[in-house]
Amino acid sequence: MRRYLSRAALAIAVVLAAAFLPTTAAQAAQPDGVYQQYVNVGFGICMQSNGLNAQATLNTCTGAANQLWSQSVNYRSCCGFVYRQIINKANGTCVGVQNGQAGVKGTPVVTGGCGDVNDQYWARIYSSGQFKLVNWGTTGVGYCIDANNGSHYLTIQSCSHTTELFHN
């Protein structure tokens, strides 16, 4: 009888624990359906996907599908922030950090196949109607998407520059 109760208690515990685990890869790329441009405040131009496994850039805002972004319906949360994937309308790619190196300042921000990986989750941290995109893989470090040294190529950098601020 005890063995039966122990197994039942274990089964209930497993079900409850699974409800609180991070999202699975099968859920990893479901856009919320609201597509917006991410306009860089420092340059007045838009974040743009340049295709699969290519570095994301800033370019003149045109409203084209490769400049429209949606957040995923699934999320992760930590430290009072909600982290979601950012999905491109044109090609369904997700914004991530090249080779998953989210802890290395200056690493290129790329658009690639969506997966349930830390470097593809971003929090929108708001201030005065503008926001920074902070990477999940760097929650202890605080790296943001930034225009690298004034160029239009996006990298992750310390969250302390005006070139990392965006608005919709």
C-alpha atoms as a PDB file:
ATOM      1  CA  MET A   1       0.000   0.000   0.000  1.00  0.00           C
ATOM      2  CA  ARG A   2       2.809   2.420   0.869  1.00  0.00           C
ATOM      3  CA  ARG A   3       4.572   1.664  -2.389  1.00  0.00           C
ATOM      4  CA  TYR A   4       1.351   2.477  -4.308  1.00  0.00           C
ATOM      5  CA  LEU A   5       0.921   5.795  -2.448  1.00  0.00           C
ATOM      6  CA  SER A   6       4.577   6.700  -2.976  1.00  0.00           C
ATOM      7  CA  ARG A   7       4.248   6.098  -6.716  1.00  0.00           C
ATOM      8  CA  ALA A   8       1.059   8.185  -6.864  1.00  0.00           C
ATOM      9  CA  ALA A   9       2.705  11.014  -4.905  1.00  0.00           C
ATOM     10  CA  LEU A  10       5.726  10.857  -7.218  1.00  0.00           C
ATOM     11  CA  ALA A  11       3.483  10.995 -10.304  1.00  0.00           C
ATOM     12  CA  ILE A  12       1.667  14.047  -8.945  1.00  0.00           C
ATOM     13  CA  ALA A  13       4.976  15.744  -8.110  1.00  0.00           C
ATOM     14  CA  VAL A  14       6.297  15.106 -11.641  1.00  0.00           C
ATOM     15  CA  VAL A  15       3.144  16.590 -13.207  1.00  0.00           C
ATOM     16  CA  LEU A  16       3.304  19.669 -10.977  1.00  0.00           C
ATOM     17  CA  ALA A  17       7.029  20.167 -11.601  1.00  0.00           C
ATOM     18  CA  ALA A  18       6.531  19.927 -15.374  1.00  0.00           C
ATOM     19  CA  ALA A  19       4.037  22.781 -15.208  1.00  0.00           C
ATOM     20  CA  PHE A  20       6.795  25.085 -13.927  1.00  0.00           C
ATOM     21  CA  LEU A  21       9.635  24.080 -16.252  1.00  0.00           C
ATOM     22  CA  PRO A  22      10.833  26.474 -18.999  1.00  0.00           C
ATOM     23  CA  THR A  23       9.113  26.223 -22.365  1.00  0.00           C
ATOM     24  CA  THR A  24       9.922  23.378 -24.701  1.00  0.00           C
ATOM     25  CA  ALA A  25      11.402  23.569 -28.194  1.00  0.00           C
ATOM     26  CA  ALA A  26       8.021  22.686 -29.687  1.00  0.00           C
ATOM     27  CA  GLN A  27       6.623  25.920 -28.252  1.00  0.00           C
ATOM     28  CA  ALA A  28       9.696  28.034 -28.906  1.00  0.00           C
ATOM     29  CA  ALA A  29       8.656  29.994 -31.991  1.00  0.00           C
ATOM     30  CA  GLN A  30       4.968  30.851 -31.766  1.00  0.00           C
ATOM     31  CA  PRO A  31       4.639  34.589 -32.484  1.00  0.00           C
ATOM     32  CA  ASP A  32       1.980  36.573 -30.631  1.00  0.00           C
ATOM     33  CA  GLY A  33       0.776  37.928 -34.010  1.00  0.00           C
ATOM     34  CA  VAL A  34       1.555  41.583 -33.262  1.00  0.00           C
ATOM     35  CA  TYR A  35       4.327  42.677 -35.632  1.00  0.00           C
ATOM     36  CA  GLN A  36       6.140  45.970 -35.069  1.00  0.00           C
ATOM     37  CA  GLN A  37       9.220  47.781 -36.228  1.00  0.00           C
ATOM     38  CA  TYR A  38      12.004  48.194 -33.658  1.00  0.00           C
ATOM     39  CA  VAL A  39      13.339  51.694 -34.335  1.00  0.00           C
ATOM     40  CA  ASN A  40      16.772  52.458 -32.906  1.00  0.00           C
ATOM     41  CA  VAL A  41      16.597  55.765 -31.010  1.00  0.00           C
ATOM     42  CA  GLY A  42      20.246  56.698 -31.653  1.00  0.00           C
ATOM     43  CA  PHE A  43      20.028  56.340 -35.437  1.00  0.00           C
ATOM     44  CA  GLY A  44      16.286  56.601 -36.194  1.00  0.00           C
ATOM     45  CA  ILE A  45      16.431  53.444 -38.332  1.00  0.00           C
ATOM     46  CA  CYS A  46      15.015  49.921 -37.944  1.00  0.00           C
ATOM     47  CA  MET A  47      16.328  46.562 -36.805  1.00  0.00           C
ATOM     48  CA  GLN A  48      16.394  44.247 -39.822  1.00  0.00           C
ATOM     49  CA  SER A  49      16.795  40.532 -40.486  1.00  0.00           C
ATOM     50  CA  ASN A  50      19.206  39.714 -43.294  1.00  0.00           C
ATOM     51  CA  GLY A  51      18.269  36.050 -43.538  1.00  0.00           C
ATOM     52  CA  LEU A  52      19.091  32.788 -41.824  1.00  0.00           C
ATOM     53  CA  ASN A  53      22.265  32.880 -39.690  1.00  0.00           C
ATOM     54  CA  ALA A  54      23.106  36.423 -40.826  1.00  0.00           C
ATOM     55  CA  GLN A  55      24.018  39.330 -38.587  1.00  0.00           C
ATOM     56  CA  ALA A  56      21.100  41.630 -37.813  1.00  0.00           C
ATOM     57  CA  THR A  57      21.551  45.248 -38.843  1.00  0.00           C
ATOM     58  CA  LEU A  58      19.930  48.645 -38.688  1.00  0.00           C
ATOM     59  CA  ASN A  59      18.587  50.046 -41.941  1.00  0.00           C
ATOM     60  CA  THR A  60      16.231  52.746 -43.217  1.00  0.00           C
ATOM     61  CA  CYS A  61      12.703  51.943 -42.034  1.00  0.00           C
ATOM     62  CA  THR A  62      10.579  50.714 -44.937  1.00  0.00           C
ATOM     63  CA  GLY A  63       7.913  48.628 -43.226  1.00  0.00           C
ATOM     64  CA  ALA A  64       9.134  45.568 -45.146  1.00  0.00           C
ATOM     65  CA  ALA A  65       8.521  42.177 -43.545  1.00  0.00           C
ATOM     66  CA  ASN A  66      12.230  41.727 -42.724  1.00  0.00           C
ATOM     67  CA  GLN A  67      11.881  44.761 -40.402  1.00  0.00           C
ATOM     68  CA  LEU A  68       8.767  43.533 -38.599  1.00  0.00           C
ATOM     69  CA  TRP A  69       9.117  41.648 -35.330  1.00  0.00           C
ATOM     70  CA  SER A  70       6.784  39.777 -33.000  1.00  0.00           C
ATOM     71  CA  GLN A  71       7.373  38.443 -29.517  1.00  0.00           C
ATOM     72  CA  SER A  72       6.793  34.759 -28.772  1.00  0.00           C
ATOM     73  CA  VAL A  73       3.741  33.733 -26.773  1.00  0.00           C
ATOM     74  CA  ASN A  74       5.917  31.564 -24.559  1.00  0.00           C
ATOM     75  CA  TYR A  75       8.287  33.195 -22.114  1.00  0.00           C
ATOM     76  CA  ARG A  76      10.748  32.784 -19.299  1.00  0.00           C
ATOM     77  CA  SER A  77      10.864  34.984 -16.256  1.00  0.00           C
ATOM     78  CA  CYS A  78      13.604  35.946 -13.878  1.00  0.00           C
ATOM     79  CA  CYS A  79      14.370  38.738 -11.509  1.00  0.00           C
ATOM     80  CA  GLY A  80      11.114  40.591 -12.193  1.00  0.00           C
ATOM     81  CA  PHE A  81      11.503  40.541 -15.995  1.00  0.00           C
ATOM     82  CA  VAL A  82       9.761  38.568 -18.751  1.00  0.00           C
ATOM     83  CA  TYR A  83      11.969  37.213 -21.541  1.00  0.00           C
ATOM     84  CA  ARG A  84      10.501  36.286 -24.947  1.00  0.00           C
ATOM     85  CA  GLN A  85      11.865  35.305 -28.335  1.00  0.00           C
ATOM     86  CA  ILE A  86      11.798  37.970 -31.044  1.00  0.00           C
ATOM     87  CA  ILE A  87      10.544  36.491 -34.324  1.00  0.00           C
ATOM     88  CA  ASN A  88      10.924  38.032 -37.785  1.00  0.00           C
ATOM     89  CA  LYS A  89       7.833  38.202 -40.006  1.00  0.00           C
ATOM     90  CA  ALA A  90       9.647  37.670 -43.328  1.00  0.00           C
ATOM     91  CA  ASN A  91      11.453  34.452 -42.541  1.00  0.00           C
ATOM     92  CA  GLY A  92      10.343  33.245 -39.087  1.00  0.00           C
ATOM     93  CA  THR A  93      13.873  33.480 -37.733  1.00  0.00           C
ATOM     94  CA  CYS A  94      14.609  34.387 -34.115  1.00  0.00           C
ATOM     95  CA  VAL A  95      17.018  36.994 -32.831  1.00  0.00           C
ATOM     96  CA  GLY A  96      19.924  35.371 -30.989  1.00  0.00           C
ATOM     97  CA  VAL A  97      23.580  35.741 -30.168  1.00  0.00           C
ATOM     98  CA  GLN A  98      26.071  34.156 -32.588  1.00  0.00           C
ATOM     99  CA  ASN A  99      27.230  30.703 -31.436  1.00  0.00           C
ATOM    100  CA  GLY A 100      25.252  31.177 -28.211  1.00  0.00           C
ATOM    101  CA  GLN A 101      28.021  33.369 -26.783  1.00  0.00           C
ATOM    102  CA  ALA A 102      25.681  35.652 -24.852  1.00  0.00           C
ATOM    103  CA  GLY A 103      28.304  36.372 -22.194  1.00  0.00           C
ATOM    104  CA  VAL A 104      30.886  37.763 -24.624  1.00  0.00           C
ATOM    105  CA  LYS A 105      30.589  41.503 -25.209  1.00  0.00           C
ATOM    106  CA  GLY A 106      30.805  42.421 -28.901  1.00  0.00           C
ATOM    107  CA  THR A 107      29.391  39.107 -30.159  1.00  0.00           C
ATOM    108  CA  PRO A 108      27.191  39.610 -33.266  1.00  0.00           C
ATOM    109  CA  VAL A 109      23.415  39.490 -32.945  1.00  0.00           C
ATOM    110  CA  VAL A 110      22.099  37.118 -35.621  1.00  0.00           C
ATOM    111  CA  THR A 111      18.774  35.830 -36.912  1.00  0.00           C
ATOM    112  CA  GLY A 112      18.629  32.063 -37.042  1.00  0.00           C
ATOM    113  CA  GLY A 113      16.415  29.059 -36.629  1.00  0.00           C
ATOM    114  CA  CYS A 114      14.274  29.312 -33.520  1.00  0.00           C
ATOM    115  CA  GLY A 115      14.975  26.924 -30.666  1.00  0.00           C
ATOM    116  CA  ASP A 116      14.559  26.754 -26.930  1.00  0.00           C
ATOM    117  CA  VAL A 117      17.992  28.240 -26.227  1.00  0.00           C
ATOM    118  CA  ASN A 118      18.904  30.960 -23.724  1.00  0.00           C
ATOM    119  CA  ASP A 119      20.531  33.329 -26.203  1.00  0.00           C
ATOM    120  CA  GLN A 120      17.211  33.731 -28.095  1.00  0.00           C
ATOM    121  CA  TYR A 121      15.266  35.130 -25.126  1.00  0.00           C
ATOM    122  CA  TRP A 122      15.101  38.906 -24.600  1.00  0.00           C
ATOM    123  CA  ALA A 123      13.480  41.196 -22.033  1.00  0.00           C
ATOM    124  CA  ARG A 124      12.139  44.587 -23.075  1.00  0.00           C
ATOM    125  CA  ILE A 125      13.236  46.916 -20.272  1.00  0.00           C
ATOM    126  CA  TYR A 126      11.238  50.162 -20.581  1.00  0.00           C
ATOM    127  CA  SER A 127      12.190  53.703 -19.639  1.00  0.00           C
ATOM    128  CA  SER A 128      10.398  56.860 -20.847  1.00  0.00           C
ATOM    129  CA  GLY A 129       8.622  55.083 -23.739  1.00  0.00           C
ATOM    130  CA  GLN A 130      11.842  53.497 -24.995  1.00  0.00           C
ATOM    131  CA  PHE A 131      13.196  50.038 -24.326  1.00  0.00           C
ATOM    132  CA  LYS A 132      16.399  48.040 -24.219  1.00  0.00           C
ATOM    133  CA  LEU A 133      16.530  44.394 -25.313  1.00  0.00           C
ATOM    134  CA  VAL A 134      18.408  42.492 -22.590  1.00  0.00           C
ATOM    135  CA  ASN A 135      19.486  38.910 -23.276  1.00  0.00           C
ATOM    136  CA  TRP A 136      18.374  36.016 -21.010  1.00  0.00           C
ATOM    137  CA  GLY A 137      21.804  34.396 -21.227  1.00  0.00           C
ATOM    138  CA  THR A 138      23.279  37.506 -19.631  1.00  0.00           C
ATOM    139  CA  THR A 139      20.846  38.181 -16.789  1.00  0.00           C
ATOM    140  CA  GLY A 140      23.748  38.525 -14.371  1.00  0.00           C
ATOM    141  CA  VAL A 141      25.789  40.637 -16.784  1.00  0.00           C
ATOM    142  CA  GLY A 142      23.158  42.793 -18.484  1.00  0.00           C
ATOM    143  CA  TYR A 143      24.160  42.743 -22.155  1.00  0.00           C
ATOM    144  CA  CYS A 144      21.852  44.482 -24.629  1.00  0.00           C
ATOM    145  CA  ILE A 145      21.413  44.604 -28.398  1.00  0.00           C
ATOM    146  CA  ASP A 146      23.480  47.587 -29.533  1.00  0.00           C
ATOM    147  CA  ALA A 147      24.759  49.180 -32.727  1.00  0.00           C
ATOM    148  CA  ASN A 148      28.423  48.203 -32.528  1.00  0.00           C
ATOM    149  CA  ASN A 149      30.603  51.286 -32.093  1.00  0.00           C
ATOM    150  CA  GLY A 150      28.256  53.448 -34.136  1.00  0.00           C
ATOM    151  CA  SER A 151      27.960  50.993 -37.044  1.00  0.00           C
ATOM    152  CA  HIS A 152      24.682  49.532 -38.246  1.00  0.00           C
ATOM    153  CA  TYR A 153      25.730  45.972 -37.368  1.00  0.00           C
ATOM    154  CA  LEU A 154      24.128  44.756 -34.143  1.00  0.00           C
ATOM    155  CA  THR A 155      26.112  43.148 -31.326  1.00  0.00           C
ATOM    156  CA  ILE A 156      25.635  42.667 -27.610  1.00  0.00           C
ATOM    157  CA  GLN A 157      27.208  45.299 -25.403  1.00  0.00           C
ATOM    158  CA  SER A 158      26.969  46.642 -21.863  1.00  0.00           C
ATOM    159  CA  CYS A 159      23.571  48.240 -21.307  1.00  0.00           C
ATOM    160  CA  SER A 160      24.813  51.802 -21.049  1.00  0.00           C
ATOM    161  CA  HIS A 161      24.610  53.372 -24.532  1.00  0.00           C
ATOM    162  CA  THR A 162      21.950  55.402 -26.320  1.00  0.00           C
ATOM    163  CA  THR A 163      22.471  53.220 -29.408  1.00  0.00           C
ATOM    164  CA  GLU A 164      20.787  50.315 -27.599  1.00  0.00           C
ATOM    165  CA  LEU A 165      17.484  52.121 -27.083  1.00  0.00           C
ATOM    166  CA  PHE A 166      14.519  51.229 -29.294  1.00  0.00           C
ATOM    167  CA  HIS A 167      10.890  52.277 -29.691  1.00  0.00           C
ATOM    168  CA  ASN A 168       8.025  50.977 -31.827  1.00  0.00           C
END
